[in-house]
Amino acid sequence: MSASLAGLKVGMEYLQRDNEAKTEELDLIKQQYQEQVTKVRNLEQQNQEQVTKVRNLEQQNQAQIEELISVKARTNNTENQVEVLKREREVKQVAFSASLLASGSGHIGPFNTQTPLVFRHVVANIGNAYNPNTGFFIAPVRGAYHFEFHLYGGGHASHGTGAVLVRNGNPIFIAYEHQASYSVNPSNGATLLLETGDVVFLRQWQNSWIYDSGNHHTTFSGHLLFTV
């Protein structure tokens, strides 16, 4: 074999080995690339799983928040119902009784016109609907109320003893007696349907006189029968 052919054979063998080495290197690179692709896909899958977990947690958290809001709303509703029941119970407990003079004794009047009476000696005022400074009873709730008033006066030739029950400025029932001697004791009562804020009081009848003392002869009383 000539030297040129031997050299050509050696060159070809070198090129073949180099090609095989490069092919192996390329296969290794492809394998490494495929491994990286697999890792990336695994990471993407793991990331997607984490995203799904986060969304699930967000949904669970939202559900818990909604449940807490619902529980709070139910709690507030229960508290409101309790408060309403408490107020209803309080306003259903309304009653008062008072006599005319806080101290001393004597006749009030006579006056030329009807004059409001203020019963200052309070023995009961449950619910504080009666005001001993004005003589007004103010209805705290709509309902049926019963009122009674008892008057006392000395007999007199010119002056009787009387008063009228008034609601919001309008007369309802009167109690009146007149005789020249001895004492008189007129009385009356009424059951009224009152709206919240209605005012009930007594007005002394014109040209009459009314007596009271430490024995509390002259009284005004009222109480709530039931709400409506």
Protein backbone atom coordinates (compact mmCIF):
# COMPACT_ATOMS: atom_id res chain seq x y z
CA MET A 1 0.00 0.00 0.00
CA SER A 2 1.32 3.35 -0.91
CA ALA A 3 2.06 6.03 1.63
CA SER A 4 -0.74 8.25 0.29
CA LEU A 5 -3.39 5.58 0.69
CA ALA A 6 -2.18 4.80 4.19
CA GLY A 7 -2.37 8.44 5.09
CA LEU A 8 -5.88 8.71 3.64
CA LYS A 9 -7.00 5.68 5.65
CA VAL A 10 -5.61 7.15 8.84
CA GLY A 11 -7.36 10.43 8.14
CA MET A 12 -10.66 8.71 7.53
CA GLU A 13 -10.34 6.72 10.73
CA TYR A 14 -9.62 9.94 12.62
CA LEU A 15 -12.63 11.65 11.11
CA GLN A 16 -14.81 8.64 11.93
CA ARG A 17 -13.65 8.63 15.54
CA ASP A 18 -14.15 12.39 15.76
CA ASN A 19 -17.62 12.04 14.30
CA GLU A 20 -18.45 9.28 16.75
CA ALA A 21 -17.17 11.41 19.62
CA LYS A 22 -19.20 14.38 18.48
CA THR A 23 -22.24 12.14 18.03
CA GLU A 24 -21.81 10.88 21.59
CA GLU A 25 -21.38 14.45 22.79
CA LEU A 26 -24.52 15.48 20.89
CA ASP A 27 -26.44 12.56 22.37
CA LEU A 28 -25.26 13.59 25.83
CA ILE A 29 -26.37 17.17 25.18
CA LYS A 30 -29.76 15.88 23.95
CA GLN A 31 -30.05 13.72 27.05
CA GLN A 32 -29.14 16.63 29.31
CA TYR A 33 -31.61 18.86 27.44
CA GLN A 34 -34.34 16.24 27.80
CA GLU A 35 -33.55 15.99 31.51
CA GLN A 36 -33.80 19.76 31.84
CA VAL A 37 -37.09 19.76 29.93
CA THR A 38 -38.36 17.02 32.26
CA LYS A 39 -37.23 19.01 35.30
CA VAL A 40 -38.94 22.14 33.96
CA ARG A 41 -42.14 20.18 33.34
CA ASN A 42 -41.93 18.68 36.80
CA LEU A 43 -41.43 22.16 38.26
CA GLU A 44 -44.35 23.46 36.22
CA GLN A 45 -46.48 20.58 37.46
CA GLN A 46 -45.38 21.20 41.04
CA ASN A 47 -46.07 24.91 40.58
CA GLN A 48 -49.51 24.12 39.19
CA GLU A 49 -50.14 21.87 42.18
CA GLN A 50 -49.07 24.67 44.52
CA VAL A 51 -51.31 27.13 42.67
CA THR A 52 -54.18 24.67 43.01
CA LYS A 53 -53.46 24.25 46.73
CA VAL A 54 -53.34 28.03 47.18
CA ARG A 55 -56.65 28.40 45.36
CA ASN A 56 -58.16 25.66 47.49
CA LEU A 57 -56.89 27.40 50.62
CA GLU A 58 -58.29 30.70 49.36
CA GLN A 59 -61.65 29.04 48.76
CA GLN A 60 -61.56 27.45 52.21
CA ASN A 61 -60.56 30.77 53.75
CA GLN A 62 -63.39 32.55 51.90
CA ALA A 63 -65.84 29.91 53.05
CA GLN A 64 -64.64 30.36 56.65
CA ILE A 65 -64.96 34.15 56.34
CA GLU A 66 -68.50 33.78 54.99
CA GLU A 67 -69.33 31.38 57.81
CA LEU A 68 -67.93 33.84 60.37
CA ILE A 69 -69.97 36.65 58.81
CA SER A 70 -73.05 34.44 58.95
CA VAL A 71 -72.37 33.51 62.58
CA LYS A 72 -71.82 37.17 63.47
CA ALA A 73 -75.03 38.15 61.70
CA ARG A 74 -76.95 35.44 63.57
CA THR A 75 -75.35 36.57 66.82
CA ASN A 76 -76.25 40.21 66.16
CA ASN A 77 -79.79 39.18 65.26
CA THR A 78 -80.07 37.19 68.49
CA GLU A 79 -78.70 40.12 70.50
CA ASN A 80 -81.17 42.46 68.80
CA GLN A 81 -84.04 40.10 69.58
CA VAL A 82 -82.93 39.91 73.20
CA GLU A 83 -82.73 43.72 73.36
CA VAL A 84 -86.20 44.06 71.81
CA LEU A 85 -87.63 41.53 74.26
CA LYS A 86 -85.91 43.38 77.10
CA ARG A 87 -87.37 46.73 75.99
CA GLU A 88 -90.80 45.18 75.52
CA ARG A 89 -90.60 43.72 79.00
CA GLU A 90 -89.56 47.09 80.40
CA VAL A 91 -92.32 49.07 78.69
CA LYS A 92 -94.91 46.49 79.74
CA GLN A 93 -94.13 47.36 83.34
CA VAL A 94 -95.82 50.75 83.60
CA ALA A 95 -97.78 51.88 86.68
CA PHE A 96 -97.94 54.94 88.89
CA SER A 97 -99.85 56.30 91.85
CA ALA A 98 -99.57 59.72 93.46
CA SER A 99 -101.40 62.07 95.81
CA LEU A 100 -101.79 65.80 95.36
CA LEU A 101 -99.63 67.47 98.04
CA ALA A 102 -96.04 66.51 98.81
CA SER A 103 -96.43 67.93 102.34
CA GLY A 104 -98.80 70.00 104.44
CA SER A 105 -102.54 70.25 104.01
CA GLY A 106 -105.19 72.57 102.60
CA HIS A 107 -107.42 73.38 99.67
CA ILE A 108 -106.19 74.19 96.16
CA GLY A 109 -108.32 76.67 94.27
CA PRO A 110 -110.76 77.93 93.37
CA PHE A 111 -109.54 79.26 90.00
CA ASN A 112 -111.44 81.12 87.30
CA THR A 113 -110.34 78.67 84.62
CA GLN A 114 -109.50 74.97 84.45
CA THR A 115 -106.01 74.46 85.88
CA PRO A 116 -103.66 71.45 85.53
CA LEU A 117 -103.14 69.46 88.72
CA VAL A 118 -99.68 68.26 89.68
CA PHE A 119 -99.67 65.22 91.97
CA ARG A 120 -96.36 65.54 93.76
CA HIS A 121 -96.40 62.77 96.38
CA VAL A 122 -95.47 59.71 94.31
CA VAL A 123 -95.76 56.30 95.93
CA ALA A 124 -95.13 54.26 92.76
CA ASN A 125 -93.78 55.18 89.33
CA ILE A 126 -92.79 51.96 87.60
CA GLY A 127 -91.44 52.80 84.16
CA ASN A 128 -91.12 56.53 85.02
CA ALA A 129 -93.96 57.48 82.69
CA TYR A 130 -95.44 59.93 85.21
CA ASN A 131 -93.71 63.26 85.83
CA PRO A 132 -94.34 64.70 89.35
CA ASN A 133 -93.04 68.10 88.21
CA THR A 134 -95.63 68.58 85.47
CA GLY A 135 -98.40 66.16 86.44
CA PHE A 136 -98.19 64.60 82.96
CA PHE A 137 -98.33 60.89 82.23
CA ILE A 138 -96.67 60.21 78.84
CA ALA A 139 -97.41 56.82 77.27
CA PRO A 140 -94.11 55.02 76.56
CA VAL A 141 -95.75 52.49 74.22
CA ARG A 142 -98.98 52.01 72.30
CA GLY A 143 -101.47 50.15 74.45
CA ALA A 144 -104.53 50.12 76.65
CA TYR A 145 -104.14 52.04 79.92
CA HIS A 146 -106.44 52.39 82.89
CA PHE A 147 -106.61 55.57 84.99
CA GLU A 148 -108.43 56.41 88.24
CA PHE A 149 -108.69 59.64 90.18
CA HIS A 150 -110.24 60.32 93.59
CA LEU A 151 -110.88 63.85 94.84
CA TYR A 152 -111.74 65.29 98.23
CA GLY A 153 -113.18 68.66 99.17
CA GLY A 154 -115.07 70.48 101.91
CA GLY A 155 -118.68 71.45 101.43
CA HIS A 156 -119.12 75.07 100.38
CA ALA A 157 -122.04 77.13 99.20
CA SER A 158 -120.16 78.52 96.16
CA HIS A 159 -117.47 75.96 95.36
CA GLY A 160 -117.81 72.36 94.33
CA THR A 161 -114.97 69.83 94.02
CA GLY A 162 -114.13 68.54 90.56
CA ALA A 163 -111.49 67.64 87.97
CA VAL A 164 -111.50 66.32 84.43
CA LEU A 165 -109.29 63.61 82.92
CA VAL A 166 -107.56 65.00 79.82
CA ARG A 167 -105.84 63.25 76.92
CA ASN A 168 -103.73 65.40 74.59
CA GLY A 169 -105.70 68.48 75.66
CA ASN A 170 -109.10 66.86 75.13
CA PRO A 171 -111.43 66.18 78.09
CA ILE A 172 -112.40 62.55 78.67
CA PHE A 173 -114.29 62.02 81.95
CA ILE A 174 -115.13 64.42 84.78
CA ALA A 175 -115.60 63.82 88.50
CA TYR A 176 -117.57 66.57 90.26
CA GLU A 177 -119.65 67.05 93.44
CA HIS A 178 -121.08 70.13 95.10
CA GLN A 179 -122.89 70.54 98.37
CA ALA A 180 -123.06 73.35 100.87
CA SER A 181 -121.85 71.38 103.90
CA TYR A 182 -119.94 68.27 104.82
CA SER A 183 -117.21 66.84 102.61
CA VAL A 184 -117.46 65.47 99.08
CA ASN A 185 -115.43 62.71 97.46
CA PRO A 186 -115.98 62.57 93.68
CA SER A 187 -114.07 59.98 91.65
CA ASN A 188 -113.96 58.51 88.18
CA GLY A 189 -111.82 56.34 85.92
CA ALA A 190 -111.30 55.38 82.29
CA THR A 191 -109.54 52.87 80.09
CA LEU A 192 -107.87 54.58 77.13
CA LEU A 193 -106.11 53.38 74.00
CA LEU A 194 -102.98 55.53 73.88
CA GLU A 195 -100.37 55.98 71.20
CA THR A 196 -96.72 56.33 72.11
CA GLY A 197 -96.20 59.89 73.38
CA ASP A 198 -99.84 60.60 74.24
CA VAL A 199 -100.21 62.83 77.33
CA VAL A 200 -102.77 62.22 80.07
CA PHE A 201 -103.30 64.50 83.08
CA LEU A 202 -105.99 66.04 85.32
CA ARG A 203 -107.34 69.59 85.16
CA GLN A 204 -109.09 71.11 88.15
CA TRP A 205 -112.57 72.28 87.26
CA GLN A 206 -113.11 76.03 87.24
CA ASN A 207 -114.45 77.62 90.45
CA SER A 208 -113.82 74.40 92.38
CA TRP A 209 -111.51 73.59 95.26
CA ILE A 210 -109.72 70.35 96.13
CA TYR A 211 -108.33 69.31 99.50
CA ASP A 212 -105.37 67.13 100.40
CA SER A 213 -103.26 66.46 103.48
CA GLY A 214 -100.81 63.99 104.93
CA ASN A 215 -103.65 61.44 104.81
CA HIS A 216 -103.53 61.67 100.99
CA HIS A 217 -107.22 62.12 100.22
CA THR A 218 -106.79 63.18 96.58
CA THR A 219 -105.01 60.68 94.30
CA PHE A 220 -104.26 59.96 90.64
CA SER A 221 -103.25 56.48 89.44
CA GLY A 222 -102.76 54.64 86.18
CA HIS A 223 -101.19 51.56 84.67
CA LEU A 224 -100.67 49.78 81.37
CA LEU A 225 -103.10 46.91 80.86
CA PHE A 226 -101.49 45.51 77.69
CA THR A 227 -99.67 46.65 74.59
CA VAL A 228 -101.43 46.77 71.24
